[in-house]
Amino acid sequence: MHMNNIQEKHIKEYLDKNKMSLDEIQQAFLDSFTMNQVSNEEAAALMVSIMRNMMQMSHNADQLNELGIDPHKLSIDDVTQMMSIWCKEYAKSL
């Protein structure tokens, strides 16, 4: 299904209006993990899985492909190394 420009504009406006802060996103994860009594190991596996999925989204995959990285071929170690690099870079901006 292809959206027209008006539909895309309305969706973008809705998403912009309802965008959560990083603190709100973090709290939603923590609340869900707490309610479901997620263990440390399960949380780690979920975070890597989420990150792998994020890296394969088209806008993120394009960025990685430009660096010569195929996001569909990343191991757990590759994903966690990328997470570590990005976390350190993000922390510098705080």
PDB file of N, CA and C in Angstrom:
ATOM      1  N   MET A   1       0.839  -1.185   0.000  1.00  0.00           N
ATOM      2  CA  MET A   1       0.000   0.000   0.000  1.00  0.00           C
ATOM      3  C   MET A   1       0.879   1.241   0.000  1.00  0.00           C
ATOM      4  N   HIS A   2       0.604   2.149  -0.891  1.00  0.00           N
ATOM      5  CA  HIS A   2       1.376   3.376  -1.005  1.00  0.00           C
ATOM      6  C   HIS A   2       0.541   4.532  -0.452  1.00  0.00           C
ATOM      7  N   MET A   3       1.153   5.336   0.402  1.00  0.00           N
ATOM      8  CA  MET A   3       0.455   6.482   0.982  1.00  0.00           C
ATOM      9  C   MET A   3       0.699   7.719   0.130  1.00  0.00           C
ATOM     10  N   ASN A   4      -0.310   8.584   0.108  1.00  0.00           N
ATOM     11  CA  ASN A   4      -0.122   9.839  -0.592  1.00  0.00           C
ATOM     12  C   ASN A   4       0.517  10.849   0.361  1.00  0.00           C
ATOM     13  N   ASN A   5       0.875  12.007  -0.152  1.00  0.00           N
ATOM     14  CA  ASN A   5       1.571  13.026   0.642  1.00  0.00           C
ATOM     15  C   ASN A   5       0.763  13.499   1.844  1.00  0.00           C
ATOM     16  N   ILE A   6      -0.549  13.598   1.697  1.00  0.00           N
ATOM     17  CA  ILE A   6      -1.401  14.055   2.806  1.00  0.00           C
ATOM     18  C   ILE A   6      -1.387  13.023   3.929  1.00  0.00           C
ATOM     19  N   GLN A   7      -1.507  11.750   3.569  1.00  0.00           N
ATOM     20  CA  GLN A   7      -1.467  10.695   4.573  1.00  0.00           C
ATOM     21  C   GLN A   7      -0.120  10.684   5.297  1.00  0.00           C
ATOM     22  N   GLU A   8       0.969  10.789   4.540  1.00  0.00           N
ATOM     23  CA  GLU A   8       2.298  10.817   5.136  1.00  0.00           C
ATOM     24  C   GLU A   8       2.449  12.008   6.079  1.00  0.00           C
ATOM     25  N   LYS A   9       1.913  13.164   5.688  1.00  0.00           N
ATOM     26  CA  LYS A   9       1.995  14.368   6.520  1.00  0.00           C
ATOM     27  C   LYS A   9       1.239  14.160   7.830  1.00  0.00           C
ATOM     28  N   HIS A  10       0.043  13.591   7.763  1.00  0.00           N
ATOM     29  CA  HIS A  10      -0.751  13.353   8.970  1.00  0.00           C
ATOM     30  C   HIS A  10      -0.061  12.358   9.911  1.00  0.00           C
ATOM     31  N   ILE A  11       0.512  11.337   9.343  1.00  0.00           N
ATOM     32  CA  ILE A  11       1.221  10.349  10.160  1.00  0.00           C
ATOM     33  C   ILE A  11       2.428  10.990  10.830  1.00  0.00           C
ATOM     34  N   LYS A  12       3.193  11.777  10.073  1.00  0.00           N
ATOM     35  CA  LYS A  12       4.357  12.453  10.646  1.00  0.00           C
ATOM     36  C   LYS A  12       3.937  13.403  11.756  1.00  0.00           C
ATOM     37  N   GLU A  13       2.871  14.166  11.553  1.00  0.00           N
ATOM     38  CA  GLU A  13       2.384  15.086  12.581  1.00  0.00           C
ATOM     39  C   GLU A  13       1.962  14.318  13.834  1.00  0.00           C
ATOM     40  N   TYR A  14       1.261  13.209  13.647  1.00  0.00           N
ATOM     41  CA  TYR A  14       0.828  12.392  14.782  1.00  0.00           C
ATOM     42  C   TYR A  14       2.033  11.862  15.547  1.00  0.00           C
ATOM     43  N   LEU A  15       3.006  11.327  14.819  1.00  0.00           N
ATOM     44  CA  LEU A  15       4.189  10.777  15.470  1.00  0.00           C
ATOM     45  C   LEU A  15       4.979  11.854  16.202  1.00  0.00           C
ATOM     46  N   ASP A  16       5.130  13.021  15.584  1.00  0.00           N
ATOM     47  CA  ASP A  16       5.840  14.123  16.231  1.00  0.00           C
ATOM     48  C   ASP A  16       5.127  14.568  17.507  1.00  0.00           C
ATOM     49  N   LYS A  17       3.805  14.622  17.447  1.00  0.00           N
ATOM     50  CA  LYS A  17       3.009  15.068  18.590  1.00  0.00           C
ATOM     51  C   LYS A  17       3.081  14.075  19.749  1.00  0.00           C
ATOM     52  N   ASN A  18       3.174  12.793  19.444  1.00  0.00           N
ATOM     53  CA  ASN A  18       3.125  11.747  20.462  1.00  0.00           C
ATOM     54  C   ASN A  18       4.488  11.111  20.743  1.00  0.00           C
ATOM     55  N   LYS A  19       5.538  11.759  20.313  1.00  0.00           N
ATOM     56  CA  LYS A  19       6.876  11.229  20.508  1.00  0.00           C
ATOM     57  C   LYS A  19       7.231  11.212  21.995  1.00  0.00           C
ATOM     58  N   MET A  20       7.762  10.088  22.434  1.00  0.00           N
ATOM     59  CA  MET A  20       8.169   9.942  23.832  1.00  0.00           C
ATOM     60  C   MET A  20       9.622  10.380  23.988  1.00  0.00           C
ATOM     61  N   SER A  21       9.951  10.895  25.163  1.00  0.00           N
ATOM     62  CA  SER A  21      11.342  11.228  25.458  1.00  0.00           C
ATOM     63  C   SER A  21      12.103   9.930  25.729  1.00  0.00           C
ATOM     64  N   LEU A  22      13.424  10.000  25.699  1.00  0.00           N
ATOM     65  CA  LEU A  22      14.213   8.816  26.010  1.00  0.00           C
ATOM     66  C   LEU A  22      13.945   8.330  27.430  1.00  0.00           C
ATOM     67  N   ASP A  23      13.725   9.260  28.360  1.00  0.00           N
ATOM     68  CA  ASP A  23      13.390   8.868  29.736  1.00  0.00           C
ATOM     69  C   ASP A  23      12.068   8.105  29.782  1.00  0.00           C
ATOM     70  N   GLU A  24      11.079   8.546  29.006  1.00  0.00           N
ATOM     71  CA  GLU A  24       9.784   7.863  28.971  1.00  0.00           C
ATOM     72  C   GLU A  24       9.904   6.480  28.335  1.00  0.00           C
ATOM     73  N   ILE A  25      10.721   6.377  27.291  1.00  0.00           N
ATOM     74  CA  ILE A  25      10.933   5.075  26.649  1.00  0.00           C
ATOM     75  C   ILE A  25      11.620   4.126  27.619  1.00  0.00           C
ATOM     76  N   GLN A  26      12.651   4.634  28.296  1.00  0.00           N
ATOM     77  CA  GLN A  26      13.357   3.810  29.279  1.00  0.00           C
ATOM     78  C   GLN A  26      12.408   3.331  30.364  1.00  0.00           C
ATOM     79  N   GLN A  27      11.555   4.216  30.866  1.00  0.00           N
ATOM     80  CA  GLN A  27      10.628   3.845  31.919  1.00  0.00           C
ATOM     81  C   GLN A  27       9.638   2.786  31.439  1.00  0.00           C
ATOM     82  N   ALA A  28       9.199   2.895  30.181  1.00  0.00           N
ATOM     83  CA  ALA A  28       8.279   1.899  29.621  1.00  0.00           C
ATOM     84  C   ALA A  28       8.939   0.525  29.576  1.00  0.00           C
ATOM     85  N   PHE A  29      10.211   0.478  29.169  1.00  0.00           N
ATOM     86  CA  PHE A  29      10.939  -0.793  29.176  1.00  0.00           C
ATOM     87  C   PHE A  29      11.055  -1.330  30.599  1.00  0.00           C
ATOM     88  N   LEU A  30      11.483  -0.475  31.522  1.00  0.00           N
ATOM     89  CA  LEU A  30      11.668  -0.922  32.902  1.00  0.00           C
ATOM     90  C   LEU A  30      10.364  -1.416  33.521  1.00  0.00           C
ATOM     91  N   ASP A  31       9.280  -0.699  33.265  1.00  0.00           N
ATOM     92  CA  ASP A  31       7.977  -1.122  33.778  1.00  0.00           C
ATOM     93  C   ASP A  31       7.600  -2.498  33.228  1.00  0.00           C
ATOM     94  N   SER A  32       7.793  -2.684  31.942  1.00  0.00           N
ATOM     95  CA  SER A  32       7.458  -3.959  31.309  1.00  0.00           C
ATOM     96  C   SER A  32       8.341  -5.086  31.852  1.00  0.00           C
ATOM     97  N   PHE A  33       9.621  -4.821  32.008  1.00  0.00           N
ATOM     98  CA  PHE A  33      10.530  -5.833  32.532  1.00  0.00           C
ATOM     99  C   PHE A  33      10.173  -6.180  33.976  1.00  0.00           C
ATOM    100  N   THR A  34       9.825  -5.172  34.756  1.00  0.00           N
ATOM    101  CA  THR A  34       9.462  -5.401  36.159  1.00  0.00           C
ATOM    102  C   THR A  34       8.188  -6.227  36.255  1.00  0.00           C
ATOM    103  N   MET A  35       7.163  -5.845  35.503  1.00  0.00           N
ATOM    104  CA  MET A  35       5.887  -6.567  35.544  1.00  0.00           C
ATOM    105  C   MET A  35       6.047  -8.022  35.121  1.00  0.00           C
ATOM    106  N   ASN A  36       6.987  -8.277  34.206  1.00  0.00           N
ATOM    107  CA  ASN A  36       7.180  -9.623  33.678  1.00  0.00           C
ATOM    108  C   ASN A  36       8.345 -10.356  34.333  1.00  0.00           C
ATOM    109  N   GLN A  37       8.907  -9.756  35.382  1.00  0.00           N
ATOM    110  CA  GLN A  37      10.012 -10.354  36.137  1.00  0.00           C
ATOM    111  C   GLN A  37      11.111 -10.881  35.213  1.00  0.00           C
ATOM    112  N   VAL A  38      11.549 -10.021  34.296  1.00  0.00           N
ATOM    113  CA  VAL A  38      12.589 -10.377  33.335  1.00  0.00           C
ATOM    114  C   VAL A  38      13.931 -10.462  34.065  1.00  0.00           C
ATOM    115  N   SER A  39      14.665 -11.542  33.826  1.00  0.00           N
ATOM    116  CA  SER A  39      15.975 -11.730  34.455  1.00  0.00           C
ATOM    117  C   SER A  39      17.027 -10.884  33.729  1.00  0.00           C
ATOM    118  N   ASN A  40      18.210 -10.776  34.338  1.00  0.00           N
ATOM    119  CA  ASN A  40      19.310 -10.048  33.697  1.00  0.00           C
ATOM    120  C   ASN A  40      19.658 -10.652  32.344  1.00  0.00           C
ATOM    121  N   GLU A  41      19.720 -11.978  32.278  1.00  0.00           N
ATOM    122  CA  GLU A  41      20.061 -12.656  31.032  1.00  0.00           C
ATOM    123  C   GLU A  41      19.000 -12.402  29.965  1.00  0.00           C
ATOM    124  N   GLU A  42      17.737 -12.474  30.366  1.00  0.00           N
ATOM    125  CA  GLU A  42      16.651 -12.213  29.415  1.00  0.00           C
ATOM    126  C   GLU A  42      16.682 -10.764  28.941  1.00  0.00           C
ATOM    127  N   ALA A  43      16.944  -9.836  29.853  1.00  0.00           N
ATOM    128  CA  ALA A  43      17.013  -8.418  29.478  1.00  0.00           C
ATOM    129  C   ALA A  43      18.145  -8.188  28.489  1.00  0.00           C
ATOM    130  N   ALA A  44      19.289  -8.804  28.740  1.00  0.00           N
ATOM    131  CA  ALA A  44      20.428  -8.654  27.827  1.00  0.00           C
ATOM    132  C   ALA A  44      20.083  -9.197  26.440  1.00  0.00           C
ATOM    133  N   ALA A  45      19.453 -10.363  26.400  1.00  0.00           N
ATOM    134  CA  ALA A  45      19.070 -10.957  25.115  1.00  0.00           C
ATOM    135  C   ALA A  45      18.056 -10.074  24.389  1.00  0.00           C
ATOM    136  N   LEU A  46      17.099  -9.525  25.138  1.00  0.00           N
ATOM    137  CA  LEU A  46      16.110  -8.639  24.532  1.00  0.00           C
ATOM    138  C   LEU A  46      16.765  -7.386  23.955  1.00  0.00           C
ATOM    139  N   MET A  47      17.691  -6.807  24.700  1.00  0.00           N
ATOM    140  CA  MET A  47      18.348  -5.578  24.232  1.00  0.00           C
ATOM    141  C   MET A  47      19.142  -5.824  22.955  1.00  0.00           C
ATOM    142  N   VAL A  48      19.852  -6.943  22.898  1.00  0.00           N
ATOM    143  CA  VAL A  48      20.610  -7.263  21.683  1.00  0.00           C
ATOM    144  C   VAL A  48      19.654  -7.516  20.518  1.00  0.00           C
ATOM    145  N   SER A  49      18.570  -8.231  20.776  1.00  0.00           N
ATOM    146  CA  SER A  49      17.586  -8.494  19.720  1.00  0.00           C
ATOM    147  C   SER A  49      16.950  -7.195  19.220  1.00  0.00           C
ATOM    148  N   ILE A  50      16.589  -6.328  20.149  1.00  0.00           N
ATOM    149  CA  ILE A  50      16.009  -5.037  19.767  1.00  0.00           C
ATOM    150  C   ILE A  50      17.014  -4.239  18.944  1.00  0.00           C
ATOM    151  N   MET A  51      18.269  -4.219  19.389  1.00  0.00           N
ATOM    152  CA  MET A  51      19.289  -3.452  18.672  1.00  0.00           C
ATOM    153  C   MET A  51      19.525  -4.024  17.284  1.00  0.00           C
ATOM    154  N   ARG A  52      19.562  -5.350  17.181  1.00  0.00           N
ATOM    155  CA  ARG A  52      19.745  -5.967  15.858  1.00  0.00           C
ATOM    156  C   ARG A  52      18.599  -5.557  14.925  1.00  0.00           C
ATOM    157  N   ASN A  53      17.377  -5.580  15.437  1.00  0.00           N
ATOM    158  CA  ASN A  53      16.226  -5.154  14.630  1.00  0.00           C
ATOM    159  C   ASN A  53      16.326  -3.680  14.254  1.00  0.00           C
ATOM    160  N   MET A  54      16.762  -2.849  15.192  1.00  0.00           N
ATOM    161  CA  MET A  54      16.926  -1.415  14.911  1.00  0.00           C
ATOM    162  C   MET A  54      17.965  -1.187  13.813  1.00  0.00           C
ATOM    163  N   MET A  55      19.042  -1.953  13.864  1.00  0.00           N
ATOM    164  CA  MET A  55      20.119  -1.798  12.889  1.00  0.00           C
ATOM    165  C   MET A  55      19.686  -2.230  11.495  1.00  0.00           C
ATOM    166  N   GLN A  56      18.663  -3.074  11.410  1.00  0.00           N
ATOM    167  CA  GLN A  56      18.190  -3.551  10.119  1.00  0.00           C
ATOM    168  C   GLN A  56      17.093  -2.669   9.524  1.00  0.00           C
ATOM    169  N   MET A  57      16.582  -1.708  10.309  1.00  0.00           N
ATOM    170  CA  MET A  57      15.597  -0.769   9.761  1.00  0.00           C
ATOM    171  C   MET A  57      16.262   0.039   8.656  1.00  0.00           C
ATOM    172  N   SER A  58      15.511   0.337   7.605  1.00  0.00           N
ATOM    173  CA  SER A  58      16.116   0.899   6.394  1.00  0.00           C
ATOM    174  C   SER A  58      16.978   2.133   6.648  1.00  0.00           C
ATOM    175  N   HIS A  59      16.509   3.082   7.462  1.00  0.00           N
ATOM    176  CA  HIS A  59      17.307   4.299   7.669  1.00  0.00           C
ATOM    177  C   HIS A  59      18.599   4.010   8.422  1.00  0.00           C
ATOM    178  N   ASN A  60      18.600   3.036   9.309  1.00  0.00           N
ATOM    179  CA  ASN A  60      19.814   2.660  10.030  1.00  0.00           C
ATOM    180  C   ASN A  60      20.690   1.739   9.186  1.00  0.00           C
ATOM    181  N   ALA A  61      20.075   0.840   8.439  1.00  0.00           N
ATOM    182  CA  ALA A  61      20.830  -0.068   7.575  1.00  0.00           C
ATOM    183  C   ALA A  61      21.599   0.716   6.526  1.00  0.00           C
ATOM    184  N   ASP A  62      20.974   1.763   5.983  1.00  0.00           N
ATOM    185  CA  ASP A  62      21.656   2.597   4.984  1.00  0.00           C
ATOM    186  C   ASP A  62      22.931   3.199   5.564  1.00  0.00           C
ATOM    187  N   GLN A  63      22.851   3.691   6.796  1.00  0.00           N
ATOM    188  CA  GLN A  63      24.011   4.284   7.462  1.00  0.00           C
ATOM    189  C   GLN A  63      25.118   3.235   7.623  1.00  0.00           C
ATOM    190  N   LEU A  64      24.754   2.040   8.058  1.00  0.00           N
ATOM    191  CA  LEU A  64      25.746   0.985   8.245  1.00  0.00           C
ATOM    192  C   LEU A  64      26.325   0.518   6.912  1.00  0.00           C
ATOM    193  N   ASN A  65      25.478   0.392   5.888  1.00  0.00           N
ATOM    194  CA  ASN A  65      25.951  -0.035   4.578  1.00  0.00           C
ATOM    195  C   ASN A  65      26.978   0.949   4.021  1.00  0.00           C
ATOM    196  N   GLU A  66      26.784   2.251   4.288  1.00  0.00           N
ATOM    197  CA  GLU A  66      27.744   3.267   3.836  1.00  0.00           C
ATOM    198  C   GLU A  66      29.110   3.057   4.484  1.00  0.00           C
ATOM    199  N   LEU A  67      29.121   2.439   5.673  1.00  0.00           N
ATOM    200  CA  LEU A  67      30.369   2.150   6.384  1.00  0.00           C
ATOM    201  C   LEU A  67      30.932   0.771   6.009  1.00  0.00           C
ATOM    202  N   GLY A  68      30.246   0.090   5.081  1.00  0.00           N
ATOM    203  CA  GLY A  68      30.687  -1.234   4.656  1.00  0.00           C
ATOM    204  C   GLY A  68      30.270  -2.342   5.609  1.00  0.00           C
ATOM    205  N   ILE A  69      29.250  -2.085   6.432  1.00  0.00           N
ATOM    206  CA  ILE A  69      28.757  -3.064   7.398  1.00  0.00           C
ATOM    207  C   ILE A  69      27.398  -3.571   6.944  1.00  0.00           C
ATOM    208  N   ASP A  70      27.257  -4.888   6.823  1.00  0.00           N
ATOM    209  CA  ASP A  70      25.975  -5.486   6.470  1.00  0.00           C
ATOM    210  C   ASP A  70      25.232  -5.816   7.760  1.00  0.00           C
ATOM    211  N   PRO A  71      24.173  -5.057   8.093  1.00  0.00           N
ATOM    212  CA  PRO A  71      23.477  -5.268   9.363  1.00  0.00           C
ATOM    213  C   PRO A  71      22.788  -6.628   9.469  1.00  0.00           C
ATOM    214  N   HIS A  72      22.624  -7.314   8.363  1.00  0.00           N
ATOM    215  CA  HIS A  72      21.971  -8.626   8.384  1.00  0.00           C
ATOM    216  C   HIS A  72      22.953  -9.752   8.706  1.00  0.00           C
ATOM    217  N   LYS A  73      24.244  -9.424   8.774  1.00  0.00           N
ATOM    218  CA  LYS A  73      25.264 -10.449   9.021  1.00  0.00           C
ATOM    219  C   LYS A  73      26.004 -10.219  10.337  1.00  0.00           C
ATOM    220  N   LEU A  74      25.445  -9.403  11.235  1.00  0.00           N
ATOM    221  CA  LEU A  74      26.124  -9.089  12.484  1.00  0.00           C
ATOM    222  C   LEU A  74      25.889 -10.164  13.542  1.00  0.00           C
ATOM    223  N   SER A  75      26.959 -10.558  14.197  1.00  0.00           N
ATOM    224  CA  SER A  75      26.867 -11.524  15.299  1.00  0.00           C
ATOM    225  C   SER A  75      26.454 -10.796  16.577  1.00  0.00           C
ATOM    226  N   ILE A  76      26.209 -11.552  17.625  1.00  0.00           N
ATOM    227  CA  ILE A  76      25.904 -10.953  18.924  1.00  0.00           C
ATOM    228  C   ILE A  76      27.062 -10.063  19.360  1.00  0.00           C
ATOM    229  N   ASP A  77      28.297 -10.541  19.181  1.00  0.00           N
ATOM    230  CA  ASP A  77      29.466  -9.743  19.558  1.00  0.00           C
ATOM    231  C   ASP A  77      29.544  -8.447  18.756  1.00  0.00           C
ATOM    232  N   ASP A  78      29.252  -8.528  17.459  1.00  0.00           N
ATOM    233  CA  ASP A  78      29.265  -7.319  16.624  1.00  0.00           C
ATOM    234  C   ASP A  78      28.240  -6.305  17.125  1.00  0.00           C
ATOM    235  N   VAL A  79      27.040  -6.785  17.412  1.00  0.00           N
ATOM    236  CA  VAL A  79      25.966  -5.895  17.867  1.00  0.00           C
ATOM    237  C   VAL A  79      26.350  -5.255  19.197  1.00  0.00           C
ATOM    238  N   THR A  80      26.871  -6.044  20.134  1.00  0.00           N
ATOM    239  CA  THR A  80      27.219  -5.482  21.435  1.00  0.00           C
ATOM    240  C   THR A  80      28.395  -4.516  21.333  1.00  0.00           C
ATOM    241  N   GLN A  81      29.329  -4.774  20.418  1.00  0.00           N
ATOM    242  CA  GLN A  81      30.435  -3.837  20.218  1.00  0.00           C
ATOM    243  C   GLN A  81      29.929  -2.516  19.654  1.00  0.00           C
ATOM    244  N   MET A  82      29.015  -2.596  18.699  1.00  0.00           N
ATOM    245  CA  MET A  82      28.431  -1.369  18.126  1.00  0.00           C
ATOM    246  C   MET A  82      27.655  -0.617  19.202  1.00  0.00           C
ATOM    247  N   MET A  83      26.913  -1.348  20.033  1.00  0.00           N
ATOM    248  CA  MET A  83      26.172  -0.711  21.123  1.00  0.00           C
ATOM    249  C   MET A  83      27.130   0.017  22.069  1.00  0.00           C
ATOM    250  N   SER A  84      28.232  -0.611  22.399  1.00  0.00           N
ATOM    251  CA  SER A  84      29.215  -0.014  23.302  1.00  0.00           C
ATOM    252  C   SER A  84      29.783   1.272  22.706  1.00  0.00           C
ATOM    253  N   ILE A  85      30.140   1.232  21.440  1.00  0.00           N
ATOM    254  CA  ILE A  85      30.683   2.418  20.762  1.00  0.00           C
ATOM    255  C   ILE A  85      29.657   3.541  20.769  1.00  0.00           C
ATOM    256  N   TRP A  86      28.423   3.225  20.377  1.00  0.00           N
ATOM    257  CA  TRP A  86      27.391   4.264  20.306  1.00  0.00           C
ATOM    258  C   TRP A  86      27.033   4.815  21.681  1.00  0.00           C
ATOM    259  N   CYS A  87      27.016   3.948  22.695  1.00  0.00           N
ATOM    260  CA  CYS A  87      26.723   4.421  24.062  1.00  0.00           C
ATOM    261  C   CYS A  87      27.790   5.392  24.538  1.00  0.00           C
ATOM    262  N   LYS A  88      29.043   5.069  24.285  1.00  0.00           N
ATOM    263  CA  LYS A  88      30.140   5.952  24.687  1.00  0.00           C
ATOM    264  C   LYS A  88      30.064   7.289  23.962  1.00  0.00           C
ATOM    265  N   GLU A  89      29.757   7.259  22.690  1.00  0.00           N
ATOM    266  CA  GLU A  89      29.619   8.506  21.921  1.00  0.00           C
ATOM    267  C   GLU A  89      28.442   9.331  22.427  1.00  0.00           C
ATOM    268  N   TYR A  90      27.327   8.670  22.712  1.00  0.00           N
ATOM    269  CA  TYR A  90      26.152   9.377  23.219  1.00  0.00           C
ATOM    270  C   TYR A  90      26.443  10.005  24.580  1.00  0.00           C
ATOM    271  N   ALA A  91      27.156   9.272  25.438  1.00  0.00           N
ATOM    272  CA  ALA A  91      27.494   9.779  26.773  1.00  0.00           C
ATOM    273  C   ALA A  91      28.332  11.053  26.697  1.00  0.00           C
ATOM    274  N   LYS A  92      29.154  11.159  25.668  1.00  0.00           N
ATOM    275  CA  LYS A  92      29.967  12.370  25.489  1.00  0.00           C
ATOM    276  C   LYS A  92      29.109  13.610  25.281  1.00  0.00           C
ATOM    277  N   SER A  93      27.912  13.413  24.732  1.00  0.00           N
ATOM    278  CA  SER A  93      27.031  14.557  24.436  1.00  0.00           C
ATOM    279  C   SER A  93      26.210  14.992  25.636  1.00  0.00           C
ATOM    280  N   LEU A  94      26.264  14.236  26.717  1.00  0.00           N
ATOM    281  CA  LEU A  94      25.451  14.567  27.910  1.00  0.00           C
ATOM    282  C   LEU A  94      26.120  15.610  28.775  1.00  0.00           C
TER     283      LEU A  94
END
